[in-house]
């Protein structure tokens, strides 16, 4: 079970992604953050911003839903 802080961060992150709000999404990262994808590793907020900007183009804000079980 997720702790309340972890759940709050995850909820914020998913809402920002579903809304295609890169600035809000980046509030969940620090300059030292690293994101791993199947194809590459993204280090720091600038690379992470570029990654999510490109990813969000694949998921239009209108009509995108995220359902975790």
N, C-alpha and C. Protein backbone atom coordinates (compact mmCIF):
# COMPACT_ATOMS: atom_id res chain seq x y z
N UNK A 1 0.85 -1.19 0.00
CA UNK A 1 0.00 0.00 0.00
C UNK A 1 0.89 1.24 0.00
N UNK A 2 0.50 2.23 -0.76
CA UNK A 2 1.27 3.47 -0.85
C UNK A 2 1.08 4.32 0.39
N UNK A 3 2.19 4.93 0.85
CA UNK A 3 2.08 5.90 1.93
C UNK A 3 1.40 7.15 1.42
N UNK A 4 0.91 7.99 2.32
CA UNK A 4 0.15 9.17 1.91
C UNK A 4 0.99 10.16 1.10
N UNK A 5 2.26 10.32 1.44
CA UNK A 5 3.12 11.25 0.69
C UNK A 5 3.40 10.68 -0.70
N UNK A 6 3.72 9.40 -0.75
CA UNK A 6 3.97 8.77 -2.05
C UNK A 6 2.73 8.84 -2.93
N UNK A 7 1.57 8.57 -2.36
CA UNK A 7 0.32 8.64 -3.12
C UNK A 7 0.07 10.05 -3.63
N UNK A 8 0.32 11.05 -2.81
CA UNK A 8 0.09 12.44 -3.22
C UNK A 8 1.01 12.81 -4.39
N UNK A 9 2.26 12.40 -4.32
CA UNK A 9 3.20 12.70 -5.41
C UNK A 9 2.78 11.96 -6.68
N UNK A 10 2.44 10.69 -6.55
CA UNK A 10 2.01 9.92 -7.71
C UNK A 10 0.74 10.50 -8.32
N UNK A 11 -0.24 10.85 -7.49
CA UNK A 11 -1.47 11.46 -8.00
C UNK A 11 -1.17 12.75 -8.74
N UNK A 12 -0.30 13.59 -8.17
CA UNK A 12 0.06 14.86 -8.82
C UNK A 12 0.74 14.59 -10.16
N UNK A 13 1.66 13.66 -10.16
CA UNK A 13 2.42 13.32 -11.36
C UNK A 13 1.48 12.83 -12.47
N UNK A 14 0.59 11.93 -12.14
CA UNK A 14 -0.34 11.39 -13.13
C UNK A 14 -1.32 12.44 -13.63
N UNK A 15 -1.80 13.29 -12.74
CA UNK A 15 -2.71 14.36 -13.16
C UNK A 15 -2.00 15.33 -14.10
N UNK A 16 -0.77 15.68 -13.77
CA UNK A 16 0.00 16.59 -14.63
C UNK A 16 0.21 15.96 -16.00
N UNK A 17 0.54 14.67 -16.03
CA UNK A 17 0.75 14.00 -17.31
C UNK A 17 -0.55 13.95 -18.10
N UNK A 18 -1.64 13.58 -17.46
CA UNK A 18 -2.93 13.49 -18.14
C UNK A 18 -3.39 14.84 -18.67
N UNK A 19 -2.96 15.91 -18.02
CA UNK A 19 -3.31 17.28 -18.44
C UNK A 19 -2.30 17.87 -19.41
N UNK A 20 -1.25 17.10 -19.73
CA UNK A 20 -0.17 17.56 -20.60
C UNK A 20 0.47 18.84 -20.06
N UNK A 21 0.64 18.90 -18.75
CA UNK A 21 1.23 20.07 -18.09
C UNK A 21 2.66 19.74 -17.67
N UNK A 22 3.60 19.99 -18.58
CA UNK A 22 5.00 19.64 -18.33
C UNK A 22 5.55 20.40 -17.12
N UNK A 23 5.20 21.67 -16.98
CA UNK A 23 5.71 22.45 -15.84
C UNK A 23 5.26 21.84 -14.51
N UNK A 24 4.00 21.45 -14.42
CA UNK A 24 3.51 20.83 -13.20
C UNK A 24 4.19 19.49 -12.97
N UNK A 25 4.36 18.73 -14.02
CA UNK A 25 5.01 17.43 -13.91
C UNK A 25 6.44 17.57 -13.40
N UNK A 26 7.16 18.58 -13.88
CA UNK A 26 8.55 18.76 -13.48
C UNK A 26 8.69 19.18 -12.02
N UNK A 27 7.63 19.62 -11.38
CA UNK A 27 7.70 19.92 -9.95
C UNK A 27 7.97 18.66 -9.13
N UNK A 28 7.76 17.50 -9.72
CA UNK A 28 8.00 16.24 -9.04
C UNK A 28 9.46 15.78 -9.17
N UNK A 29 10.29 16.57 -9.84
CA UNK A 29 11.69 16.20 -10.08
C UNK A 29 12.62 17.28 -9.56
N UNK A 30 13.85 16.87 -9.25
CA UNK A 30 14.92 17.80 -8.88
C UNK A 30 16.00 17.71 -9.95
N UNK A 31 16.98 18.60 -9.89
CA UNK A 31 18.03 18.62 -10.91
C UNK A 31 18.80 17.30 -10.99
N UNK A 32 18.84 16.56 -9.90
CA UNK A 32 19.58 15.29 -9.87
C UNK A 32 18.73 14.09 -10.27
N UNK A 33 17.48 14.31 -10.63
CA UNK A 33 16.59 13.20 -10.98
C UNK A 33 17.05 12.49 -12.25
N UNK A 34 16.71 11.22 -12.31
CA UNK A 34 17.01 10.38 -13.48
C UNK A 34 15.75 9.62 -13.83
N UNK A 35 15.40 9.62 -15.12
CA UNK A 35 14.26 8.86 -15.62
C UNK A 35 14.79 7.81 -16.59
N UNK A 36 14.38 6.58 -16.37
CA UNK A 36 14.77 5.48 -17.24
C UNK A 36 13.59 5.11 -18.12
N UNK A 37 13.84 4.96 -19.40
CA UNK A 37 12.82 4.45 -20.32
C UNK A 37 13.43 3.23 -21.00
N UNK A 38 12.63 2.48 -21.73
CA UNK A 38 13.20 1.32 -22.43
C UNK A 38 14.29 1.70 -23.44
N UNK A 39 14.24 2.94 -23.94
CA UNK A 39 15.15 3.34 -25.01
C UNK A 39 16.30 4.25 -24.58
N UNK A 40 16.18 4.90 -23.42
CA UNK A 40 17.20 5.89 -23.05
C UNK A 40 17.11 6.22 -21.56
N UNK A 41 18.11 6.92 -21.09
CA UNK A 41 18.15 7.44 -19.73
C UNK A 41 18.19 8.95 -19.83
N UNK A 42 17.38 9.63 -19.02
CA UNK A 42 17.29 11.09 -19.04
C UNK A 42 17.73 11.62 -17.69
N UNK A 43 18.74 12.47 -17.70
CA UNK A 43 19.32 12.98 -16.46
C UNK A 43 19.09 14.48 -16.35
N UNK A 44 18.59 14.90 -15.21
CA UNK A 44 18.38 16.33 -14.97
C UNK A 44 17.07 16.82 -15.55
N UNK A 45 16.63 17.95 -15.04
CA UNK A 45 15.32 18.48 -15.42
C UNK A 45 15.22 18.84 -16.90
N UNK A 46 16.30 19.30 -17.52
CA UNK A 46 16.22 19.67 -18.94
C UNK A 46 15.96 18.45 -19.82
N UNK A 47 16.70 17.36 -19.58
CA UNK A 47 16.48 16.15 -20.37
C UNK A 47 15.11 15.54 -20.06
N UNK A 48 14.73 15.59 -18.79
CA UNK A 48 13.41 15.04 -18.40
C UNK A 48 12.29 15.86 -19.03
N UNK A 49 12.45 17.19 -19.06
CA UNK A 49 11.46 18.05 -19.73
C UNK A 49 11.31 17.66 -21.20
N UNK A 50 12.44 17.49 -21.89
CA UNK A 50 12.40 17.13 -23.31
C UNK A 50 11.71 15.77 -23.50
N UNK A 51 12.02 14.81 -22.62
CA UNK A 51 11.40 13.49 -22.70
C UNK A 51 9.89 13.57 -22.55
N UNK A 52 9.42 14.26 -21.50
CA UNK A 52 7.97 14.32 -21.28
C UNK A 52 7.27 15.20 -22.31
N UNK A 53 7.93 16.22 -22.81
CA UNK A 53 7.33 17.04 -23.87
C UNK A 53 7.06 16.18 -25.09
N UNK A 54 8.02 15.35 -25.44
CA UNK A 54 7.84 14.46 -26.59
C UNK A 54 6.79 13.39 -26.28
N UNK A 55 6.84 12.81 -25.09
CA UNK A 55 5.88 11.76 -24.73
C UNK A 55 4.45 12.30 -24.74
N UNK A 56 4.26 13.52 -24.28
CA UNK A 56 2.91 14.08 -24.20
C UNK A 56 2.32 14.34 -25.58
N UNK A 57 3.16 14.46 -26.58
CA UNK A 57 2.64 14.62 -27.94
C UNK A 57 1.94 13.34 -28.41
N UNK A 58 2.29 12.21 -27.79
CA UNK A 58 1.66 10.93 -28.15
C UNK A 58 0.32 10.72 -27.44
N UNK A 59 0.10 11.49 -26.35
CA UNK A 59 -1.11 11.36 -25.54
C UNK A 59 -1.79 12.72 -25.44
N UNK A 60 -2.76 13.02 -26.30
CA UNK A 60 -3.42 14.32 -26.23
C UNK A 60 -4.10 14.52 -24.88
N UNK A 61 -4.01 15.74 -24.36
CA UNK A 61 -4.57 16.04 -23.03
C UNK A 61 -6.06 15.73 -22.99
N UNK A 62 -6.77 16.11 -24.04
CA UNK A 62 -8.20 15.86 -24.06
C UNK A 62 -8.44 14.38 -24.36
N UNK A 63 -9.08 13.71 -23.45
CA UNK A 63 -9.41 12.32 -23.65
C UNK A 63 -8.42 11.33 -23.06
N UNK A 64 -7.28 11.81 -22.54
CA UNK A 64 -6.32 10.90 -21.92
C UNK A 64 -6.74 10.62 -20.48
N UNK A 65 -6.81 9.35 -20.15
CA UNK A 65 -7.09 8.94 -18.78
C UNK A 65 -6.04 7.94 -18.36
N UNK A 66 -5.79 7.91 -17.06
CA UNK A 66 -4.83 6.97 -16.49
C UNK A 66 -5.54 6.24 -15.37
N UNK A 67 -5.52 4.93 -15.43
CA UNK A 67 -6.21 4.11 -14.45
C UNK A 67 -5.23 3.12 -13.86
N UNK A 68 -4.93 3.27 -12.57
CA UNK A 68 -4.03 2.34 -11.88
C UNK A 68 -4.84 1.43 -11.00
N UNK A 69 -4.48 0.18 -10.98
CA UNK A 69 -5.18 -0.78 -10.13
C UNK A 69 -4.21 -1.44 -9.20
